[in-house]
Amino acid sequence: MTKEAPPSSALEAVDAPPPARSYPITLWLTGLSGAGKTTLARNLQRRLYDRGITALRVDGDELRAGLTSDLGFSAEERHANVRRAAHMAKLLNDQGVLVLASLISPAARDREAARQIVGADRFAEVYVHADLERCRQRDPKGLYRKVASGSIAQFTGISAPYEPPVAPDLTVDTTTTKVEECVEVLAAFLDGRLSR
């Protein structure tokens, strides 16, 4: 009797039949804390679900609460955080799943590395822009207040740099544009990518 190889825990991407409707695309939403990345990803996910499209969110805060909880906020640890998120997005894309990644991902080199990991043909960088003052006003997690009180030393956009994308695939400005309008723009952009 010959020994069989142990079963793989996942289908190989090349061997797996594609789902009936496969959308192996990653929208990578980047921007300052409070710009609206998570809000837009959640709303877009709901809109896609209503259309019968499954999209999974890969959210920076949720990752830091679990998968990347061992990482701090040095430049190298931020790089590792983005790299892990990109590998997760790639694995999901390999299975035909549409990914909405919402991470500050402040360094241009890290976002470019994410594009290379996911695959340039599957990756779209979306710059969620909001001016710093608007982000401070929103402050959904109370982080800007903590920075002002001195309890957070390294904070992106204030004491740590944020490098805005030079040539993003799409920019949405949440400073003055309503969430619903931004989601419309994102959905139209995604429709264009899906029809390629």
Protein backbone atom coordinates (compact mmCIF):
# COMPACT_ATOMS: atom_id res chain seq x y z
CA MET A 1 0.00 0.00 0.00
CA THR A 2 1.43 3.38 -1.00
CA LYS A 3 1.39 6.31 1.33
CA GLU A 4 -0.81 9.16 0.24
CA ALA A 5 0.12 12.74 0.78
CA PRO A 6 -1.77 14.34 3.65
CA PRO A 7 -4.76 16.36 2.48
CA SER A 8 -4.10 20.03 1.92
CA SER A 9 -5.94 22.40 4.22
CA ALA A 10 -6.81 24.58 1.23
CA LEU A 11 -7.28 24.05 -2.46
CA GLU A 12 -4.40 25.15 -4.58
CA ALA A 13 -5.43 28.27 -6.49
CA VAL A 14 -4.57 26.67 -9.83
CA ASP A 15 -6.54 23.48 -9.05
CA ALA A 16 -9.61 25.05 -7.52
CA PRO A 17 -12.56 25.61 -9.81
CA PRO A 18 -13.49 29.27 -9.76
CA PRO A 19 -16.71 30.14 -7.95
CA ALA A 20 -19.72 30.89 -10.15
CA ARG A 21 -18.96 34.59 -9.70
CA SER A 22 -15.36 35.23 -8.80
CA TYR A 23 -14.04 38.72 -8.02
CA PRO A 24 -10.35 38.39 -7.11
CA ILE A 25 -9.72 42.10 -6.55
CA THR A 26 -8.35 44.02 -3.58
CA LEU A 27 -9.37 47.62 -2.97
CA TRP A 28 -6.67 48.98 -0.65
CA LEU A 29 -8.09 52.01 1.21
CA THR A 30 -5.36 54.19 2.70
CA GLY A 31 -5.57 57.48 4.59
CA LEU A 32 -5.22 59.12 7.97
CA SER A 33 -6.93 57.84 11.10
CA GLY A 34 -10.47 59.22 11.02
CA ALA A 35 -10.51 59.77 7.25
CA GLY A 36 -13.32 57.22 6.85
CA LYS A 37 -11.61 54.10 5.52
CA THR A 38 -13.46 51.63 7.73
CA THR A 39 -16.79 53.43 7.33
CA LEU A 40 -16.49 53.36 3.54
CA ALA A 41 -15.39 49.71 3.51
CA ARG A 42 -18.35 48.69 5.70
CA ASN A 43 -20.84 50.61 3.58
CA LEU A 44 -19.39 49.31 0.33
CA GLN A 45 -19.42 45.76 1.71
CA ARG A 46 -23.14 46.13 2.52
CA ARG A 47 -23.87 47.52 -0.94
CA LEU A 48 -22.02 44.64 -2.60
CA TYR A 49 -23.81 42.11 -0.39
CA ASP A 50 -27.16 43.58 -1.48
CA ARG A 51 -26.04 42.90 -5.07
CA GLY A 52 -25.16 39.29 -4.26
CA ILE A 53 -21.41 39.88 -4.12
CA THR A 54 -19.42 38.65 -1.14
CA ALA A 55 -16.62 40.96 -0.09
CA LEU A 56 -14.44 40.47 2.97
CA ARG A 57 -12.95 43.34 4.92
CA VAL A 58 -9.36 43.31 6.11
CA ASP A 59 -9.34 46.16 8.62
CA GLY A 60 -6.23 47.56 10.27
CA ASP A 61 -7.80 47.94 13.72
CA GLU A 62 -9.23 44.43 13.63
CA LEU A 63 -5.88 43.00 12.50
CA ARG A 64 -4.07 44.79 15.33
CA ALA A 65 -6.54 43.28 17.81
CA GLY A 66 -5.58 39.77 16.68
CA LEU A 67 -3.38 38.68 13.80
CA THR A 68 -0.87 41.52 14.17
CA SER A 69 -1.27 42.19 17.91
CA ASP A 70 2.41 41.30 18.37
CA LEU A 71 3.46 44.35 16.34
CA GLY A 72 4.10 47.87 17.55
CA PHE A 73 4.29 51.06 15.52
CA SER A 74 7.92 51.39 14.47
CA ALA A 75 8.50 51.77 10.73
CA GLU A 76 9.51 48.12 10.42
CA GLU A 77 6.55 46.91 12.47
CA ARG A 78 4.18 48.98 10.35
CA HIS A 79 5.81 47.41 7.28
CA ALA A 80 5.20 43.93 8.73
CA ASN A 81 1.58 44.84 9.50
CA VAL A 82 0.95 45.90 5.90
CA ARG A 83 2.80 42.87 4.56
CA ARG A 84 0.66 40.47 6.61
CA ALA A 85 -2.53 42.21 5.50
CA ALA A 86 -1.41 42.02 1.87
CA HIS A 87 -0.68 38.30 2.17
CA MET A 88 -4.14 37.78 3.67
CA ALA A 89 -5.70 39.73 0.78
CA LYS A 90 -3.74 37.66 -1.73
CA LEU A 91 -4.87 34.38 -0.16
CA LEU A 92 -8.48 35.53 -0.31
CA ASN A 93 -8.11 36.78 -3.90
CA ASP A 94 -6.58 33.42 -4.84
CA GLN A 95 -9.88 31.86 -3.73
CA GLY A 96 -11.90 34.32 -5.83
CA VAL A 97 -12.87 36.61 -2.94
CA LEU A 98 -13.14 40.38 -3.29
CA VAL A 99 -11.21 42.14 -0.50
CA LEU A 100 -11.77 45.59 0.98
CA ALA A 101 -8.57 46.39 2.90
CA SER A 102 -8.69 49.48 5.11
CA LEU A 103 -5.35 50.29 6.68
CA ILE A 104 -3.58 53.59 7.28
CA SER A 105 -0.50 52.06 5.61
CA PRO A 106 1.40 55.35 5.84
CA ALA A 107 4.52 54.50 3.82
CA ALA A 108 4.44 54.53 0.03
CA ARG A 109 6.99 51.69 -0.08
CA ASP A 110 4.69 49.50 2.01
CA ARG A 111 1.69 50.16 -0.23
CA GLU A 112 3.83 49.33 -3.26
CA ALA A 113 4.95 46.12 -1.54
CA ALA A 114 1.28 45.29 -0.92
CA ARG A 115 0.57 45.83 -4.62
CA GLN A 116 3.38 43.43 -5.53
CA ILE A 117 2.23 40.80 -3.01
CA VAL A 118 -1.42 40.90 -4.09
CA GLY A 119 -0.55 41.31 -7.77
CA ALA A 120 -0.75 44.57 -9.71
CA ASP A 121 -3.64 43.30 -11.83
CA ARG A 122 -5.72 42.58 -8.71
CA PHE A 123 -4.80 45.63 -6.62
CA ALA A 124 -6.32 49.10 -6.60
CA GLU A 125 -5.00 51.78 -4.27
CA VAL A 126 -7.78 54.07 -3.03
CA TYR A 127 -6.72 57.25 -1.26
CA VAL A 128 -9.36 58.18 1.30
CA HIS A 129 -8.48 61.83 1.81
CA ALA A 130 -9.64 64.02 4.65
CA ASP A 131 -7.75 67.01 5.96
CA LEU A 132 -6.12 66.64 9.35
CA GLU A 133 -8.50 69.08 11.03
CA ARG A 134 -11.54 67.08 9.90
CA CYS A 135 -9.92 63.86 11.14
CA ARG A 136 -9.31 65.52 14.52
CA GLN A 137 -12.94 66.63 14.69
CA ARG A 138 -14.21 63.14 13.90
CA ASP A 139 -11.72 61.31 16.16
CA PRO A 140 -13.86 58.13 16.29
CA LYS A 141 -11.44 56.27 18.59
CA GLY A 142 -10.31 59.22 20.71
CA LEU A 143 -6.76 58.89 19.40
CA TYR A 144 -6.24 62.55 18.50
CA ARG A 145 -7.25 63.50 22.07
CA LYS A 146 -4.67 61.02 23.38
CA VAL A 147 -2.01 62.56 21.13
CA ALA A 148 -2.91 66.05 22.41
CA SER A 149 -2.64 64.85 26.02
CA GLY A 150 0.74 63.23 25.33
CA SER A 151 -0.34 59.65 26.00
CA ILE A 152 0.46 58.62 22.40
CA ALA A 153 3.92 59.57 21.17
CA GLN A 154 4.04 58.18 17.62
CA PHE A 155 0.90 59.01 15.66
CA THR A 156 0.58 59.00 11.88
CA GLY A 157 0.01 62.42 10.39
CA ILE A 158 1.23 64.28 13.46
CA SER A 159 4.44 62.87 14.96
CA ALA A 160 4.91 60.08 12.41
CA PRO A 161 4.75 60.69 8.65
CA TYR A 162 1.93 59.80 6.30
CA GLU A 163 2.99 59.73 2.65
CA PRO A 164 -0.09 60.47 0.53
CA PRO A 165 -0.30 58.39 -2.63
CA VAL A 166 1.24 60.16 -5.63
CA ALA A 167 -0.79 58.30 -8.26
CA PRO A 168 -3.59 56.33 -6.58
CA ASP A 169 -6.02 54.37 -8.71
CA LEU A 170 -8.82 56.41 -7.11
CA THR A 171 -9.17 59.27 -4.63
CA VAL A 172 -12.27 59.96 -2.56
CA ASP A 173 -12.35 63.11 -0.43
CA THR A 174 -14.40 62.65 2.72
CA THR A 175 -13.71 66.16 4.01
CA THR A 176 -16.80 67.54 2.28
CA THR A 177 -18.28 64.56 0.42
CA LYS A 178 -20.96 62.46 2.14
CA VAL A 179 -20.38 58.78 2.85
CA GLU A 180 -23.14 57.72 0.45
CA GLU A 181 -21.60 59.72 -2.40
CA CYS A 182 -18.14 58.26 -1.72
CA VAL A 183 -19.61 54.75 -1.72
CA GLU A 184 -21.25 55.52 -5.10
CA VAL A 185 -17.85 56.53 -6.48
CA LEU A 186 -16.21 53.40 -5.06
CA ALA A 187 -18.96 51.15 -6.43
CA ALA A 188 -18.71 52.70 -9.90
CA PHE A 189 -14.93 52.31 -9.84
CA LEU A 190 -15.25 48.69 -8.75
CA ASP A 191 -17.82 48.01 -11.48
CA GLY A 192 -15.27 49.26 -14.00
CA ARG A 193 -12.62 46.93 -12.60
CA LEU A 194 -14.99 43.95 -12.55
CA SER A 195 -16.00 44.44 -16.18
CA ARG A 196 -12.41 44.18 -17.46
